Amino acid sequence: MTTQKLRHLIEPEDFSLDELNHLIALGEEIHAAPEKYSEACKGKILATLFYEPSTRTKFSFETAMLRLGGSIIGFSDANTSSVSKGESIADTIRVMSAYADVAVMRHPKEGAPKLASLYSSIPIINGGDGGHQHPTQTLTDLLTIQTFKGSIDNQVVAFCGDLKFGRTVHSLIRTLARYNIKKFILISPEELKLPELLKRTLVDVYQVELMEVKTIEEVVEEIDILYMTRIQKERFFNEADYARLKDSYIIDKAKIQKAKQDMIIMHPLPRVNEIAYEVDTDPRAVYFEQAKLGVYIRMALIMKLLEVA
């Protein structure tokens, strides 16, 4: 049985705009002076329940908790836990609730972290569920935009690559729609377009302006934020379709030559080959800083959920 105060982060909509902005502001404060928060979670334990592979999300959460003075338990391979014996998510989270103060879960099945939250007596953070949501990547992205653009409002945001299966895109675009965004530009092959249901939600519920194009070159001069994504092999059922599309959209210096000087290029990582290495030295490329900022916003989130912020 959960308490009245217990909060989870399963999708970005779980937090109001005011709460999101508070987290961003706290993330900025931690970024500026991380040493001030080195004992904020002393004596607290984070459980990392990763049912599918992760580098940045897992390690950034572990780094965040360690930098807050807390400790970590968990698994990075479900086959090394009692899940391999057939233990249910409900039973796993009931047990982990007795061992930890907060848990982050990454799972290949959509809705798994939501299910866990129904049986948990500690806050649950969705670390990514299938092609559905990735709310802490969205928090990272919001902090990155705020840091490099000075404001989330009044931006032209272009999403490029796999817009159909990319959970980072789905989470971020729904959240940005709650802000005062000028326009969304969707750049993808026909097979990887943003799902129709999500497009209808963006237009009908949030009244955003959507523009769909096939190439970056036709819109590059008006973009303020270019959000690149990889073509995800693990989301394809057909190897031939993946092979045909994986090299469809590759950013190099020539393609961004006419872009605004203050445009920023973001990527949730890992990168395969969709951004040429020559772009890494361009001052508009912020994706490695973006990954670094993920630690600070996750520190802010852990503090909020543990009510120490």
Protein backbone atom coordinates (compact mmCIF):
# COMPACT_ATOMS: atom_id res chain seq x y z
CA MET A 1 0.00 0.00 0.00
CA THR A 2 1.47 3.34 -1.05
CA THR A 3 1.32 6.49 1.04
CA GLN A 4 -0.62 9.58 0.07
CA LYS A 5 2.56 11.57 -0.58
CA LEU A 6 4.30 8.99 -2.77
CA ARG A 7 5.21 10.34 -6.21
CA HIS A 8 6.41 8.47 -9.28
CA LEU A 9 7.76 9.62 -12.65
CA ILE A 10 6.32 7.29 -15.27
CA GLU A 11 5.73 9.89 -17.97
CA PRO A 12 6.50 13.63 -18.12
CA GLU A 13 2.80 14.47 -17.68
CA ASP A 14 3.08 13.20 -14.09
CA PHE A 15 4.64 16.58 -13.29
CA SER A 16 3.02 19.96 -13.84
CA LEU A 17 4.82 22.64 -15.86
CA ASP A 18 5.65 24.43 -12.61
CA GLU A 19 7.21 21.24 -11.25
CA LEU A 20 9.18 20.68 -14.46
CA ASN A 21 10.47 24.24 -14.34
CA HIS A 22 11.40 23.82 -10.67
CA LEU A 23 13.40 20.68 -11.55
CA ILE A 24 15.16 22.51 -14.38
CA ALA A 25 16.04 25.39 -12.04
CA LEU A 26 17.33 22.95 -9.42
CA GLY A 27 19.34 21.14 -12.11
CA GLU A 28 20.93 24.49 -13.05
CA GLU A 29 21.80 25.15 -9.41
CA ILE A 30 23.38 21.71 -8.99
CA HIS A 31 25.31 22.16 -12.25
CA ALA A 32 26.71 25.46 -10.95
CA ALA A 33 27.71 24.11 -7.51
CA PRO A 34 27.43 20.28 -7.26
CA GLU A 35 29.50 20.18 -4.06
CA LYS A 36 26.63 21.85 -2.15
CA TYR A 37 24.53 18.72 -2.66
CA SER A 38 27.16 16.08 -1.87
CA GLU A 39 25.31 14.82 1.22
CA ALA A 40 21.70 15.59 0.21
CA CYS A 41 20.82 11.88 0.04
CA LYS A 42 23.22 10.51 2.64
CA GLY A 43 21.84 7.22 3.99
CA LYS A 44 19.43 6.78 1.04
CA ILE A 45 19.54 3.86 -1.41
CA LEU A 46 18.68 3.82 -5.14
CA ALA A 47 17.67 0.51 -6.76
CA THR A 48 18.51 0.23 -10.48
CA LEU A 49 16.28 -2.38 -12.12
CA PHE A 50 17.45 -2.63 -15.72
CA TYR A 51 15.73 -5.36 -17.72
CA GLU A 52 17.41 -4.24 -20.96
CA PRO A 53 20.84 -2.76 -21.78
CA SER A 54 21.66 0.84 -20.91
CA THR A 55 24.81 2.90 -20.64
CA ARG A 56 23.94 6.57 -20.14
CA THR A 57 20.67 6.16 -18.25
CA LYS A 58 21.99 3.55 -15.82
CA PHE A 59 25.38 5.14 -15.17
CA SER A 60 24.01 8.67 -14.97
CA PHE A 61 21.49 7.58 -12.31
CA GLU A 62 24.22 5.77 -10.39
CA THR A 63 26.52 8.79 -10.70
CA ALA A 64 23.68 11.09 -9.61
CA MET A 65 22.97 9.07 -6.45
CA LEU A 66 26.66 8.74 -5.57
CA ARG A 67 27.19 12.50 -6.04
CA LEU A 68 24.26 13.06 -3.65
CA GLY A 69 25.99 10.91 -1.04
CA GLY A 70 23.64 7.93 -1.42
CA SER A 71 24.19 4.26 -2.27
CA ILE A 72 23.12 1.91 -5.07
CA ILE A 73 21.83 -1.64 -5.39
CA GLY A 74 20.29 -3.39 -8.40
CA PHE A 75 20.93 -5.37 -11.55
CA SER A 76 21.88 -4.56 -15.13
CA ASP A 77 20.84 -7.95 -16.51
CA ALA A 78 17.52 -9.48 -15.48
CA ASN A 79 19.02 -12.93 -16.08
CA THR A 80 21.23 -12.43 -13.03
CA SER A 81 18.20 -11.78 -10.81
CA SER A 82 15.20 -13.83 -9.70
CA VAL A 83 13.42 -12.63 -12.84
CA SER A 84 15.22 -15.53 -14.56
CA LYS A 85 13.31 -17.85 -12.21
CA GLY A 86 10.00 -16.35 -13.29
CA GLU A 87 9.50 -13.74 -10.57
CA SER A 88 6.88 -11.12 -11.51
CA ILE A 89 7.49 -7.38 -11.65
CA ALA A 90 4.97 -6.96 -8.84
CA ASP A 91 6.87 -9.30 -6.53
CA THR A 92 10.28 -7.88 -7.50
CA ILE A 93 9.21 -4.34 -6.68
CA ARG A 94 7.55 -5.37 -3.41
CA VAL A 95 10.86 -6.87 -2.28
CA MET A 96 12.99 -3.97 -3.59
CA SER A 97 10.71 -1.57 -1.74
CA ALA A 98 11.99 -3.12 1.49
CA TYR A 99 15.62 -2.63 0.47
CA ALA A 100 15.73 0.79 -1.22
CA ASP A 101 14.26 4.29 -0.92
CA VAL A 102 13.73 4.96 -4.65
CA ALA A 103 13.97 2.80 -7.80
CA VAL A 104 14.59 3.39 -11.49
CA MET A 105 13.34 0.77 -13.97
CA ARG A 106 14.25 0.21 -17.63
CA HIS A 107 12.09 -2.43 -19.34
CA PRO A 108 11.49 -3.56 -22.94
CA LYS A 109 7.71 -3.82 -22.37
CA GLU A 110 5.61 -0.68 -22.49
CA GLY A 111 3.82 -0.05 -19.21
CA ALA A 112 6.15 -2.14 -17.02
CA PRO A 113 7.27 0.79 -14.80
CA LYS A 114 3.61 1.85 -14.44
CA LEU A 115 2.74 -1.67 -13.29
CA ALA A 116 5.63 -1.59 -10.82
CA SER A 117 4.39 1.71 -9.38
CA LEU A 118 1.05 0.10 -8.50
CA TYR A 119 2.78 -2.35 -6.16
CA SER A 120 5.60 -0.16 -4.87
CA SER A 121 5.92 1.59 -1.55
CA ILE A 122 8.86 3.67 -2.83
CA PRO A 123 8.99 6.18 -5.73
CA ILE A 124 9.42 4.56 -9.17
CA ILE A 125 11.23 6.31 -12.01
CA ASN A 126 10.67 5.14 -15.57
CA GLY A 127 14.12 4.74 -17.13
CA GLY A 128 12.57 3.87 -20.51
CA ASP A 129 9.83 1.39 -21.41
CA GLY A 130 9.85 -0.08 -24.92
CA GLY A 131 9.08 2.52 -27.58
CA HIS A 132 6.77 4.34 -25.20
CA GLN A 133 8.34 6.89 -22.83
CA HIS A 134 11.71 8.06 -21.53
CA PRO A 135 10.85 10.88 -19.12
CA THR A 136 14.29 11.38 -17.57
CA GLN A 137 15.81 11.82 -21.02
CA THR A 138 13.14 14.46 -21.55
CA LEU A 139 14.22 16.20 -18.33
CA THR A 140 17.80 16.07 -19.58
CA ASP A 141 16.73 17.57 -22.89
CA LEU A 142 14.78 20.38 -21.21
CA LEU A 143 17.78 21.31 -19.05
CA THR A 144 20.02 21.23 -22.15
CA ILE A 145 17.71 23.57 -24.09
CA GLN A 146 17.43 25.93 -21.12
CA THR A 147 21.23 25.92 -20.67
CA PHE A 148 22.19 26.54 -24.30
CA LYS A 149 19.23 28.54 -25.62
CA GLY A 150 18.31 30.46 -22.48
CA SER A 151 14.62 29.56 -22.83
CA ILE A 152 12.47 26.61 -23.84
CA ASP A 153 9.78 28.89 -25.28
CA ASN A 154 9.73 30.40 -28.80
CA GLN A 155 11.94 27.81 -30.48
CA VAL A 156 11.66 26.02 -33.83
CA VAL A 157 12.43 22.39 -32.98
CA ALA A 158 13.27 19.80 -35.64
CA PHE A 159 13.27 16.08 -34.92
CA CYS A 160 15.21 13.95 -37.41
CA GLY A 161 15.52 10.19 -37.92
CA ASP A 162 13.44 7.50 -36.27
CA LEU A 163 10.31 9.32 -35.13
CA LYS A 164 8.13 6.20 -35.14
CA PHE A 165 9.87 4.04 -32.55
CA GLY A 166 11.99 6.64 -30.70
CA ARG A 167 10.72 6.87 -27.13
CA THR A 168 12.98 9.87 -26.51
CA VAL A 169 11.19 11.75 -29.30
CA HIS A 170 7.72 10.71 -28.09
CA SER A 171 8.41 11.91 -24.54
CA LEU A 172 10.11 15.14 -25.53
CA ILE A 173 7.72 16.32 -28.22
CA ARG A 174 4.68 15.83 -25.96
CA THR A 175 6.41 17.78 -23.21
CA LEU A 176 7.64 20.61 -25.43
CA ALA A 177 4.09 20.95 -26.74
CA ARG A 178 3.12 22.12 -23.25
CA TYR A 179 5.51 25.05 -23.65
CA ASN A 180 5.20 27.94 -26.13
CA ILE A 181 7.04 26.31 -29.04
CA LYS A 182 6.94 28.17 -32.37
CA LYS A 183 6.91 25.10 -34.60
CA PHE A 184 7.85 21.42 -34.79
CA ILE A 185 9.55 20.17 -37.94
CA LEU A 186 9.47 16.39 -38.48
CA ILE A 187 12.22 14.98 -40.72
CA SER A 188 12.02 11.26 -41.44
CA PRO A 189 11.55 8.61 -44.10
CA GLU A 190 7.96 7.56 -44.77
CA GLU A 191 8.45 4.31 -42.82
CA LEU A 192 9.61 6.10 -39.67
CA LYS A 193 7.18 9.02 -39.42
CA LEU A 194 5.79 10.15 -36.09
CA PRO A 195 2.73 7.99 -35.19
CA GLU A 196 -0.55 9.45 -36.43
CA LEU A 197 -2.18 9.27 -32.99
CA LEU A 198 0.62 11.34 -31.48
CA LYS A 199 0.42 13.88 -34.31
CA ARG A 200 -3.33 14.25 -33.77
CA THR A 201 -2.77 14.75 -30.04
CA LEU A 202 -0.18 17.46 -30.69
CA VAL A 203 -2.47 19.33 -33.07
CA ASP A 204 -5.87 18.77 -31.39
CA VAL A 205 -4.87 19.01 -27.73
CA TYR A 206 -1.89 21.37 -27.82
CA GLN A 207 -2.62 23.28 -31.07
CA VAL A 208 1.00 23.10 -32.18
CA GLU A 209 2.22 23.79 -35.71
CA LEU A 210 3.63 20.67 -37.37
CA MET A 211 5.63 20.54 -40.60
CA GLU A 212 6.73 17.24 -42.18
CA VAL A 213 9.62 17.10 -44.66
CA LYS A 214 11.88 14.44 -46.15
CA THR A 215 15.27 16.21 -45.96
CA ILE A 216 17.16 18.43 -43.53
CA GLU A 217 18.43 20.71 -46.29
CA GLU A 218 14.99 22.11 -47.13
CA VAL A 219 14.46 23.48 -43.59
CA VAL A 220 17.95 23.83 -42.07
CA GLU A 221 17.97 27.65 -42.15
CA GLU A 222 14.97 28.03 -39.83
CA ILE A 223 15.86 25.46 -37.16
CA ASP A 224 16.76 26.57 -33.62
CA ILE A 225 17.12 23.06 -32.16
CA LEU A 226 17.97 20.00 -34.24
CA TYR A 227 17.23 16.78 -32.35
CA MET A 228 18.89 13.81 -34.06
CA THR A 229 18.04 10.17 -33.38
CA ARG A 230 19.53 6.89 -34.50
CA ILE A 231 17.70 4.33 -36.59
CA GLN A 232 17.13 1.69 -33.90
CA LYS A 233 17.90 -1.83 -35.09
CA GLU A 234 16.22 -3.37 -32.05
CA ARG A 235 12.86 -1.78 -32.97
CA PHE A 236 12.74 -3.46 -36.41
CA PHE A 237 11.15 -6.81 -37.12
CA ASN A 238 12.67 -6.96 -40.60
CA GLU A 239 16.47 -6.87 -41.04
CA ALA A 240 16.15 -5.78 -44.67
CA ASP A 241 14.07 -2.71 -43.70
CA TYR A 242 16.69 -1.71 -41.13
CA ALA A 243 19.57 -2.12 -43.59
CA ARG A 244 17.74 -0.02 -46.19
CA LEU A 245 16.97 2.88 -43.83
CA LYS A 246 19.85 3.04 -41.35
CA ASP A 247 21.94 5.43 -43.44
CA SER A 248 19.04 7.61 -44.56
CA TYR A 249 19.84 10.67 -42.50
CA ILE A 250 23.43 11.56 -41.74
CA ILE A 251 24.43 15.05 -40.55
CA ASP A 252 27.78 16.38 -41.72
CA LYS A 253 29.32 19.88 -41.92
CA ALA A 254 28.00 20.46 -45.42
CA LYS A 255 24.38 19.85 -44.37
CA ILE A 256 24.52 22.39 -41.54
CA GLN A 257 26.58 25.03 -43.37
CA LYS A 258 23.52 27.26 -43.84
CA ALA A 259 22.12 26.66 -40.36
CA LYS A 260 21.83 29.42 -37.76
CA GLN A 261 25.02 30.10 -35.82
CA ASP A 262 23.14 29.67 -32.54
CA MET A 263 21.32 26.49 -33.56
CA ILE A 264 22.08 23.57 -31.26
CA ILE A 265 22.41 19.92 -32.30
CA MET A 266 21.15 17.44 -29.72
CA HIS A 267 21.17 13.65 -29.61
CA PRO A 268 20.07 11.29 -26.80
CA LEU A 269 22.94 8.91 -27.72
CA PRO A 270 24.19 6.33 -28.48
CA ARG A 271 25.22 7.61 -31.90
CA VAL A 272 25.80 5.11 -34.70
CA ASN A 273 26.65 7.11 -37.82
CA GLU A 274 23.83 9.65 -38.08
CA ILE A 275 26.15 12.49 -37.01
CA ALA A 276 29.57 12.56 -38.69
CA TYR A 277 32.51 12.85 -36.28
CA GLU A 278 33.55 16.08 -38.00
CA VAL A 279 30.46 17.74 -36.48
CA ASP A 280 31.70 17.06 -32.93
CA THR A 281 34.00 20.09 -33.06
CA ASP A 282 31.24 22.43 -34.26
CA PRO A 283 30.22 24.77 -31.38
CA ARG A 284 26.58 24.00 -32.18
CA ALA A 285 27.05 20.32 -31.26
CA VAL A 286 25.97 19.94 -27.62
CA TYR A 287 25.17 16.22 -27.35
CA PHE A 288 28.07 15.30 -25.08
CA GLU A 289 27.25 18.21 -22.77
CA GLN A 290 23.65 17.00 -22.96
CA ALA A 291 24.74 13.62 -21.57
CA LYS A 292 26.65 15.36 -18.77
CA LEU A 293 23.64 17.50 -17.86
CA GLY A 294 21.65 14.27 -17.46
CA VAL A 295 23.47 13.64 -14.18
CA TYR A 296 22.46 17.01 -12.70
CA ILE A 297 18.79 16.77 -13.63
CA ARG A 298 18.61 13.21 -12.29
CA MET A 299 20.15 14.47 -9.05
CA ALA A 300 17.36 17.05 -8.91
CA LEU A 301 14.71 14.40 -9.62
CA ILE A 302 15.98 12.01 -6.95
CA MET A 303 15.98 14.86 -4.41
CA LYS A 304 12.42 15.81 -5.34
CA LEU A 305 11.05 12.27 -5.11
CA LEU A 306 12.81 11.68 -1.80
CA GLU A 307 11.49 15.07 -0.61
CA VAL A 308 14.93 16.41 0.29
CA ALA A 309 14.78 19.28 -2.23
